[in-house]
Amino acid sequence: MNMSDARALVREKTAKEITVRHLISVEGVMRRLAQHFGEDEHRWALTGLFHDLDQDITADDKERHALLAASWLREREVDDAVVNAVLAHAHPEYQTDLMSKAIVAADAVAGLLVAAALVRPEKAVGMKVSSVKKKLKEASFAPGVNRDEIHACSELGFELDAFIGIGIEGLQLVAGDIGLTP
């Protein structure tokens, strides 16, 4: 599926603009992670874009979350590795490869980065790792962000600073698409 069709599917299946922006932010982080690992950027970007595709419907049903999205993606013959990674972000038993493990940390760091960008006049432009790390330590800042999932970047071979830096670069790839440029 090309990116234009993928984003159209996101618009079709989501009810909230905040969900769309979140999906696109994780798309950017996953694309940058793929570059880092020498993996298929398009496949990783699709994983980020689709990981919470059913969030607006399944928000109150954690058991069903990602399963509905997986069924929609299979109907459209999306790559099995992408479907598996979408499932993996919500159901650990699907975390079987690098991409399906990376989506968990990417999802969490993207949430923190977007929150940090929203309180800056420059938005995502010029973000610094040190500033984001300060926000990470503040439990009251973006309280819905799972800090343990961000720290799990070590399982991907990253030191925290490097992971946040790559996350910032990924967010900057899509910042213009989600209103995070001044």
Protein backbone atom coordinates (compact mmCIF):
# COMPACT_ATOMS: atom_id res chain seq x y z
CA MET A 1 0.00 0.00 0.00
CA ASN A 2 1.42 3.38 -0.92
CA MET A 3 1.60 6.14 1.67
CA SER A 4 -1.16 8.21 0.10
CA ASP A 5 -3.59 5.27 0.29
CA ALA A 6 -2.38 4.46 3.80
CA ARG A 7 -3.08 7.96 5.05
CA ALA A 8 -6.49 7.88 3.35
CA LEU A 9 -7.25 4.65 5.25
CA VAL A 10 -6.22 6.37 8.49
CA ARG A 11 -8.62 9.22 7.77
CA GLU A 12 -11.38 6.72 6.95
CA LYS A 13 -10.97 4.65 10.11
CA THR A 14 -10.26 7.32 12.74
CA ALA A 15 -12.76 9.66 14.30
CA LYS A 16 -10.41 12.11 16.01
CA GLU A 17 -7.83 14.43 14.51
CA ILE A 18 -5.60 13.87 17.55
CA THR A 19 -5.47 10.17 16.65
CA VAL A 20 -4.46 11.00 13.08
CA ARG A 21 -1.67 13.27 14.33
CA HIS A 22 -0.47 10.59 16.75
CA LEU A 23 -0.39 7.96 14.01
CA ILE A 24 1.60 10.24 11.72
CA SER A 25 4.04 11.10 14.51
CA VAL A 26 4.74 7.41 15.12
CA GLU A 27 5.07 6.93 11.35
CA GLY A 28 7.93 9.44 11.39
CA VAL A 29 9.68 7.86 14.36
CA MET A 30 9.39 4.39 12.82
CA ARG A 31 10.71 5.66 9.47
CA ARG A 32 13.76 7.11 11.22
CA LEU A 33 14.30 3.90 13.19
CA ALA A 34 14.20 1.92 9.94
CA GLN A 35 16.88 4.20 8.52
CA HIS A 36 19.00 3.61 11.61
CA PHE A 37 18.68 -0.17 11.39
CA GLY A 38 18.97 -0.34 7.59
CA GLU A 39 15.45 -1.76 7.34
CA ASP A 40 12.59 -1.17 4.91
CA GLU A 41 11.51 2.43 5.64
CA HIS A 42 8.14 2.10 3.95
CA ARG A 43 7.18 -1.04 5.88
CA TRP A 44 8.26 0.50 9.18
CA ALA A 45 6.46 3.78 8.39
CA LEU A 46 3.25 1.85 7.64
CA THR A 47 3.59 0.07 10.96
CA GLY A 48 3.80 3.39 12.77
CA LEU A 49 0.92 4.82 10.79
CA PHE A 50 -1.37 1.83 11.42
CA HIS A 51 -0.43 0.83 14.98
CA ASP A 52 -3.43 2.57 16.62
CA LEU A 53 -5.74 2.51 13.60
CA ASP A 54 -8.67 1.20 15.66
CA GLN A 55 -7.96 3.32 18.76
CA ASP A 56 -11.04 5.51 18.44
CA ILE A 57 -13.27 2.41 18.41
CA THR A 58 -11.43 0.12 20.83
CA ALA A 59 -10.17 2.65 23.40
CA ASP A 60 -12.24 1.03 26.15
CA ASP A 61 -11.56 -2.55 25.05
CA LYS A 62 -7.84 -3.35 25.45
CA GLU A 63 -8.37 -6.99 24.49
CA ARG A 64 -9.90 -6.00 21.14
CA HIS A 65 -7.43 -3.16 20.48
CA ALA A 66 -5.21 -3.85 17.45
CA LEU A 67 -7.21 -6.98 16.57
CA LEU A 68 -9.81 -4.90 14.73
CA ALA A 69 -7.08 -2.92 12.98
CA ALA A 70 -5.36 -6.18 11.98
CA SER A 71 -8.58 -7.42 10.37
CA TRP A 72 -8.96 -4.19 8.39
CA LEU A 73 -5.33 -4.40 7.24
CA ARG A 74 -5.63 -8.05 6.21
CA GLU A 75 -8.74 -7.17 4.15
CA ARG A 76 -6.54 -4.71 2.26
CA GLU A 77 -3.73 -7.26 1.91
CA VAL A 78 -1.23 -5.23 3.94
CA ASP A 79 2.10 -7.00 4.48
CA ASP A 80 1.91 -9.67 7.21
CA ALA A 81 4.96 -8.21 8.99
CA VAL A 82 3.14 -4.86 9.33
CA VAL A 83 -0.01 -6.57 10.63
CA ASN A 84 2.07 -8.54 13.15
CA ALA A 85 3.78 -5.38 14.39
CA VAL A 86 0.42 -3.60 14.73
CA LEU A 87 -0.72 -6.50 16.90
CA ALA A 88 2.59 -6.46 18.80
CA HIS A 89 2.21 -2.94 20.11
CA ALA A 90 -0.84 -4.05 22.11
CA HIS A 91 -0.24 -7.78 22.55
CA PRO A 92 3.30 -8.78 23.61
CA GLU A 93 3.02 -12.31 22.22
CA TYR A 94 3.35 -10.79 18.72
CA GLN A 95 6.67 -9.11 19.52
CA THR A 96 8.71 -11.53 17.41
CA ASP A 97 11.13 -9.37 15.44
CA LEU A 98 12.90 -6.02 15.55
CA MET A 99 10.07 -4.04 13.96
CA SER A 100 7.41 -5.55 16.23
CA LYS A 101 9.51 -4.66 19.28
CA ALA A 102 10.45 -1.20 18.02
CA ILE A 103 6.84 -0.09 17.59
CA VAL A 104 6.27 -0.27 21.35
CA ALA A 105 9.10 2.14 22.18
CA ALA A 106 8.35 4.33 19.14
CA ASP A 107 4.72 4.73 20.17
CA ALA A 108 5.69 5.86 23.66
CA VAL A 109 8.50 8.21 22.67
CA ALA A 110 6.36 9.82 19.97
CA GLY A 111 3.72 10.65 22.58
CA LEU A 112 6.32 12.31 24.79
CA LEU A 113 7.90 14.18 21.89
CA VAL A 114 4.62 15.56 20.59
CA ALA A 115 3.67 16.74 24.07
CA ALA A 116 7.08 18.39 24.44
CA ALA A 117 6.79 20.05 21.01
CA LEU A 118 3.35 21.44 21.80
CA VAL A 119 4.67 23.50 24.72
CA ARG A 120 7.50 25.05 22.70
CA PRO A 121 7.10 28.19 20.54
CA GLU A 122 9.31 26.51 17.90
CA LYS A 123 7.28 23.27 18.15
CA ALA A 124 9.43 20.35 16.84
CA VAL A 125 12.06 22.60 15.31
CA GLY A 126 15.29 22.67 17.31
CA MET A 127 14.18 20.20 19.99
CA LYS A 128 17.01 19.05 22.23
CA VAL A 129 17.50 15.66 23.83
CA SER A 130 18.31 17.25 27.20
CA SER A 131 15.01 19.15 27.27
CA VAL A 132 13.01 16.04 26.38
CA LYS A 133 14.82 14.04 29.07
CA LYS A 134 13.78 16.63 31.66
CA LYS A 135 10.17 16.21 30.55
CA LEU A 136 10.55 12.43 30.71
CA LYS A 137 11.51 12.70 34.39
CA GLU A 138 8.43 14.82 35.20
CA ALA A 139 5.68 12.28 35.93
CA SER A 140 3.05 15.02 35.68
CA PHE A 141 4.13 15.89 32.12
CA ALA A 142 2.30 13.77 29.52
CA PRO A 143 1.15 11.35 32.25
CA GLY A 144 -0.35 8.95 29.69
CA VAL A 145 3.08 8.19 28.24
CA ASN A 146 4.48 4.87 29.41
CA ARG A 147 8.00 5.71 30.54
CA ASP A 148 8.95 2.03 30.88
CA GLU A 149 8.25 1.55 27.17
CA ILE A 150 10.60 4.43 26.34
CA HIS A 151 13.32 2.99 28.55
CA ALA A 152 12.83 -0.37 26.79
CA CYS A 153 14.82 1.21 23.95
CA SER A 154 17.78 -0.56 25.57
CA GLU A 155 16.29 -3.83 24.27
CA LEU A 156 16.74 -2.37 20.79
CA GLY A 157 20.38 -1.58 21.52
CA PHE A 158 19.94 2.13 22.27
CA GLU A 159 21.14 4.34 25.05
CA LEU A 160 18.29 6.64 26.10
CA ASP A 161 19.88 9.82 24.70
CA ALA A 162 20.44 8.24 21.28
CA PHE A 163 16.90 6.88 21.17
CA ILE A 164 15.36 10.24 22.05
CA GLY A 165 17.59 11.88 19.43
CA ILE A 166 16.41 9.50 16.73
CA GLY A 167 12.83 10.03 17.91
CA ILE A 168 13.22 13.79 17.55
CA GLU A 169 14.61 13.35 14.03
CA GLY A 170 11.67 11.09 13.18
CA LEU A 171 9.14 13.56 14.51
CA GLN A 172 10.80 16.32 12.50
CA LEU A 173 10.30 14.24 9.32
CA VAL A 174 6.51 14.62 9.72
CA ALA A 175 6.27 17.80 11.80
CA GLY A 176 4.90 19.83 8.91
CA ASP A 177 2.14 17.27 8.35
CA ILE A 178 0.86 17.49 11.91
CA GLY A 179 1.19 21.19 12.71
CA LEU A 180 4.42 20.98 14.70
CA THR A 181 6.32 23.65 12.82
CA PRO A 182 6.18 27.33 13.80
